[in-house]
Amino acid sequence: MADIELKTAGFDARFPNTNQTKNCWQNYVDYFKCVDAKGEDFAPCKQFKRAYFSLCPDKWIEKWNEQREEGVFPGLAVRKAVAHHD
């Protein structure tokens, strides 16, 4: 993880309150969605990663990484399309 420059995440208007739990979670989820769509080298993906590394406790990241590896992380669940009958 030496390729990540750690610094405080910038202000995000979606999360104006001092409790940054939701901000941490959303940046973690957004990072992996971004990587799936655009790849690790896409600059906006790197911003999500910097933000969650800055905001999230290490233990949370470790737990979520384990859950992703086991396929049980709830934030990235693949939803099946529902067929609509006319």
Protein backbone atom coordinates (compact mmCIF):
# COMPACT_ATOMS: atom_id res chain seq x y z
CA MET A 1 0.00 0.00 0.00
CA ALA A 2 3.04 2.28 -0.31
CA ASP A 3 1.64 3.77 -3.52
CA ILE A 4 -1.07 5.66 -1.59
CA GLU A 5 -0.24 9.11 -0.29
CA LEU A 6 -2.17 9.51 2.96
CA LYS A 7 -3.74 12.86 3.68
CA THR A 8 -7.00 14.04 5.13
CA ALA A 9 -9.97 13.61 2.81
CA GLY A 10 -11.41 16.86 1.52
CA PHE A 11 -14.85 18.13 2.41
CA ASP A 12 -17.71 16.16 0.86
CA ALA A 13 -21.01 18.06 0.84
CA ARG A 14 -22.90 14.76 0.96
CA PHE A 15 -21.57 14.30 4.52
CA PRO A 16 -21.62 17.68 6.29
CA ASN A 17 -21.77 16.33 9.86
CA THR A 18 -18.81 15.43 12.03
CA ASN A 19 -19.63 11.70 12.11
CA GLN A 20 -17.87 10.40 9.02
CA THR A 21 -19.00 6.75 9.23
CA LYS A 22 -21.29 6.98 6.20
CA ASN A 23 -18.64 8.92 4.28
CA CYS A 24 -16.09 6.18 5.04
CA TRP A 25 -18.48 3.43 3.92
CA GLN A 26 -19.56 5.22 0.75
CA ASN A 27 -16.00 5.95 -0.38
CA TYR A 28 -15.01 2.31 0.24
CA VAL A 29 -17.96 1.04 -1.82
CA ASP A 30 -17.50 3.70 -4.52
CA TYR A 31 -13.83 2.78 -4.89
CA PHE A 32 -14.55 -0.85 -5.73
CA LYS A 33 -17.45 0.05 -8.02
CA CYS A 34 -15.17 2.52 -9.80
CA VAL A 35 -12.36 -0.03 -10.15
CA ASP A 36 -14.79 -2.59 -11.57
CA ALA A 37 -16.02 -0.05 -14.13
CA LYS A 38 -12.83 1.87 -15.00
CA GLY A 39 -9.79 0.12 -13.51
CA GLU A 40 -7.40 0.92 -10.66
CA ASP A 41 -5.47 3.57 -12.59
CA PHE A 42 -8.51 5.77 -13.24
CA ALA A 43 -7.85 9.01 -11.27
CA PRO A 44 -11.32 9.34 -9.67
CA CYS A 45 -10.98 5.78 -8.32
CA LYS A 46 -7.74 6.79 -6.62
CA GLN A 47 -9.56 9.68 -4.93
CA PHE A 48 -12.14 7.29 -3.45
CA LYS A 49 -9.30 5.12 -2.15
CA ARG A 50 -7.46 8.06 -0.58
CA ALA A 51 -10.70 9.14 1.07
CA TYR A 52 -11.56 5.77 2.59
CA PHE A 53 -7.97 5.22 3.74
CA SER A 54 -8.15 8.59 5.47
CA LEU A 55 -11.62 8.17 6.98
CA CYS A 56 -12.01 4.47 7.82
CA PRO A 57 -10.45 2.66 10.78
CA ASP A 58 -7.96 -0.02 9.66
CA LYS A 59 -10.01 -2.75 11.36
CA TRP A 60 -13.07 -1.86 9.28
CA ILE A 61 -11.07 -1.99 6.05
CA GLU A 62 -9.56 -5.35 7.03
CA LYS A 63 -13.02 -6.74 7.85
CA TRP A 64 -14.59 -5.45 4.63
CA ASN A 65 -11.67 -6.78 2.56
CA GLU A 66 -12.16 -10.21 4.13
CA GLN A 67 -15.89 -10.04 3.42
CA ARG A 68 -15.24 -9.09 -0.22
CA GLU A 69 -12.81 -11.99 -0.61
CA GLU A 70 -15.43 -14.35 0.83
CA GLY A 71 -18.15 -12.90 -1.40
CA VAL A 72 -20.30 -11.75 1.52
CA PHE A 73 -19.65 -8.00 1.60
CA PRO A 74 -23.11 -6.39 1.52
CA GLY A 75 -22.08 -3.12 -0.13
CA LEU A 76 -21.20 -4.68 -3.47
CA ALA A 77 -23.93 -7.26 -3.77
CA VAL A 78 -24.83 -8.00 -7.36
CA ARG A 79 -28.54 -7.59 -7.86
CA LYS A 80 -30.32 -9.86 -10.26
CA ALA A 81 -32.55 -8.21 -12.81
CA VAL A 82 -36.21 -8.87 -12.25
CA ALA A 83 -38.16 -9.87 -15.32
CA HIS A 84 -41.34 -7.88 -15.75
CA HIS A 85 -44.26 -9.58 -17.40
CA ASP A 86 -46.64 -7.46 -19.40
